[in-house]
Amino acid sequence: MALSDKQKLMRKIQAQSFVLVDVTLYLDSHPNCKNALDFYHKHKAIKEKLIKEYERNYGPFTAMGVEDTDKWTWSTTAFPWERGES
């Protein structure tokens, strides 16, 4: 079964999340490693960009992504981890 654009974007966000957890663990034991810190900031920016794209197309990625001032949209749309196009 082919992945939808929404699912592909979610997978990219999940991959960046994994990268960030991994480099965070490394930085915990190597806090002065400039290369690792640069790597962290690069992938953090990529993840933030992907989340903005997700929110622009599909709604809030987390409750903190709710920007609507007229209604609470976090619980009125499908959560990011739910399958399907809704």
C-alpha atoms as a PDB file:
ATOM      1  CA  MET A   1       0.000   0.000   0.000  1.00  0.00           C
ATOM      2  CA  ALA A   2       1.391   3.372  -1.025  1.00  0.00           C
ATOM      3  CA  LEU A   3       1.861   6.023   1.616  1.00  0.00           C
ATOM      4  CA  SER A   4      -0.102   9.248   1.368  1.00  0.00           C
ATOM      5  CA  ASP A   5       1.723  12.587   1.328  1.00  0.00           C
ATOM      6  CA  LYS A   6       0.628  13.076   4.933  1.00  0.00           C
ATOM      7  CA  GLN A   7       2.087   9.721   5.964  1.00  0.00           C
ATOM      8  CA  LYS A   8       5.337  10.415   4.105  1.00  0.00           C
ATOM      9  CA  LEU A   9       5.682  13.742   5.884  1.00  0.00           C
ATOM     10  CA  MET A  10       4.967  12.091   9.232  1.00  0.00           C
ATOM     11  CA  ARG A  11       7.698   9.510   8.551  1.00  0.00           C
ATOM     12  CA  LYS A  12      10.178  12.297   7.782  1.00  0.00           C
ATOM     13  CA  ILE A  13       9.307  14.002  11.069  1.00  0.00           C
ATOM     14  CA  GLN A  14       9.675  10.708  12.935  1.00  0.00           C
ATOM     15  CA  ALA A  15      13.087  10.128  11.336  1.00  0.00           C
ATOM     16  CA  GLN A  16      14.286  13.576  12.403  1.00  0.00           C
ATOM     17  CA  SER A  17      12.961  12.929  15.916  1.00  0.00           C
ATOM     18  CA  PHE A  18      15.001   9.722  16.070  1.00  0.00           C
ATOM     19  CA  VAL A  19      18.131  11.529  14.842  1.00  0.00           C
ATOM     20  CA  LEU A  20      17.660  14.217  17.490  1.00  0.00           C
ATOM     21  CA  VAL A  21      17.230  11.717  20.321  1.00  0.00           C
ATOM     22  CA  ASP A  22      20.324   9.869  19.193  1.00  0.00           C
ATOM     23  CA  VAL A  23      22.518  12.968  18.926  1.00  0.00           C
ATOM     24  CA  THR A  24      21.146  14.247  22.252  1.00  0.00           C
ATOM     25  CA  LEU A  25      22.347  11.059  23.946  1.00  0.00           C
ATOM     26  CA  TYR A  26      25.757  11.536  22.347  1.00  0.00           C
ATOM     27  CA  LEU A  27      25.910  15.175  23.425  1.00  0.00           C
ATOM     28  CA  ASP A  28      25.053  14.170  26.994  1.00  0.00           C
ATOM     29  CA  SER A  29      28.392  12.362  27.157  1.00  0.00           C
ATOM     30  CA  HIS A  30      30.308  14.635  24.727  1.00  0.00           C
ATOM     31  CA  PRO A  31      29.037  18.156  25.534  1.00  0.00           C
ATOM     32  CA  ASN A  32      32.019  19.899  23.928  1.00  0.00           C
ATOM     33  CA  CYS A  33      31.761  18.169  20.544  1.00  0.00           C
ATOM     34  CA  LYS A  34      31.175  21.047  18.129  1.00  0.00           C
ATOM     35  CA  ASN A  35      30.425  18.730  15.200  1.00  0.00           C
ATOM     36  CA  ALA A  36      27.687  16.971  17.154  1.00  0.00           C
ATOM     37  CA  LEU A  37      26.223  20.274  18.311  1.00  0.00           C
ATOM     38  CA  ASP A  38      26.191  21.576  14.724  1.00  0.00           C
ATOM     39  CA  PHE A  39      24.567  18.310  13.614  1.00  0.00           C
ATOM     40  CA  TYR A  40      21.930  18.712  16.338  1.00  0.00           C
ATOM     41  CA  HIS A  41      21.046  22.261  15.282  1.00  0.00           C
ATOM     42  CA  LYS A  42      20.903  21.282  11.602  1.00  0.00           C
ATOM     43  CA  HIS A  43      18.469  18.432  12.233  1.00  0.00           C
ATOM     44  CA  LYS A  44      16.433  20.442  14.737  1.00  0.00           C
ATOM     45  CA  ALA A  45      15.894  23.084  12.024  1.00  0.00           C
ATOM     46  CA  ILE A  46      14.919  20.380   9.515  1.00  0.00           C
ATOM     47  CA  LYS A  47      12.377  18.928  11.954  1.00  0.00           C
ATOM     48  CA  GLU A  48      10.926  22.362  12.717  1.00  0.00           C
ATOM     49  CA  LYS A  49      10.556  23.056   8.987  1.00  0.00           C
ATOM     50  CA  LEU A  50       8.818  19.709   8.449  1.00  0.00           C
ATOM     51  CA  ILE A  51       6.443  20.378  11.359  1.00  0.00           C
ATOM     52  CA  LYS A  52       5.554  23.781   9.916  1.00  0.00           C
ATOM     53  CA  GLU A  53       4.806  22.107   6.586  1.00  0.00           C
ATOM     54  CA  TYR A  54       2.670  19.491   8.351  1.00  0.00           C
ATOM     55  CA  GLU A  55       0.729  22.132  10.265  1.00  0.00           C
ATOM     56  CA  ARG A  56       0.215  24.255   7.150  1.00  0.00           C
ATOM     57  CA  ASN A  57      -1.280  21.272   5.304  1.00  0.00           C
ATOM     58  CA  TYR A  58      -2.916  19.107   7.963  1.00  0.00           C
ATOM     59  CA  GLY A  59      -3.433  21.082  11.169  1.00  0.00           C
ATOM     60  CA  PRO A  60      -1.579  21.135  14.486  1.00  0.00           C
ATOM     61  CA  PHE A  61       1.196  18.588  14.967  1.00  0.00           C
ATOM     62  CA  THR A  62       0.998  18.983  18.749  1.00  0.00           C
ATOM     63  CA  ALA A  63      -1.334  20.936  21.005  1.00  0.00           C
ATOM     64  CA  MET A  64       1.326  23.658  21.045  1.00  0.00           C
ATOM     65  CA  GLY A  65       0.768  24.072  17.298  1.00  0.00           C
ATOM     66  CA  VAL A  66      -2.782  25.370  17.691  1.00  0.00           C
ATOM     67  CA  GLU A  67      -2.885  28.916  16.356  1.00  0.00           C
ATOM     68  CA  ASP A  68      -6.610  29.331  15.776  1.00  0.00           C
ATOM     69  CA  THR A  69      -7.981  31.929  18.189  1.00  0.00           C
ATOM     70  CA  ASP A  70     -11.660  31.181  17.493  1.00  0.00           C
ATOM     71  CA  LYS A  71     -11.775  27.496  18.407  1.00  0.00           C
ATOM     72  CA  TRP A  72      -9.656  24.694  19.819  1.00  0.00           C
ATOM     73  CA  THR A  73      -8.537  22.698  16.776  1.00  0.00           C
ATOM     74  CA  TRP A  74      -6.238  20.143  18.416  1.00  0.00           C
ATOM     75  CA  SER A  75      -8.958  17.651  19.307  1.00  0.00           C
ATOM     76  CA  THR A  76     -11.264  18.377  16.365  1.00  0.00           C
ATOM     77  CA  THR A  77      -9.028  16.905  13.649  1.00  0.00           C
ATOM     78  CA  ALA A  78      -7.284  13.549  13.331  1.00  0.00           C
ATOM     79  CA  PHE A  79      -4.188  13.333  15.490  1.00  0.00           C
ATOM     80  CA  PRO A  80      -0.901  13.141  13.546  1.00  0.00           C
ATOM     81  CA  TRP A  81      -0.289   9.504  14.464  1.00  0.00           C
ATOM     82  CA  GLU A  82      -3.715   8.344  13.303  1.00  0.00           C
ATOM     83  CA  ARG A  83      -3.783   6.606   9.946  1.00  0.00           C
ATOM     84  CA  GLY A  84      -5.726   7.891   7.002  1.00  0.00           C
ATOM     85  CA  GLU A  85      -6.260  11.179   5.310  1.00  0.00           C
ATOM     86  CA  SER A  86      -8.607  12.830   7.774  1.00  0.00           C
END
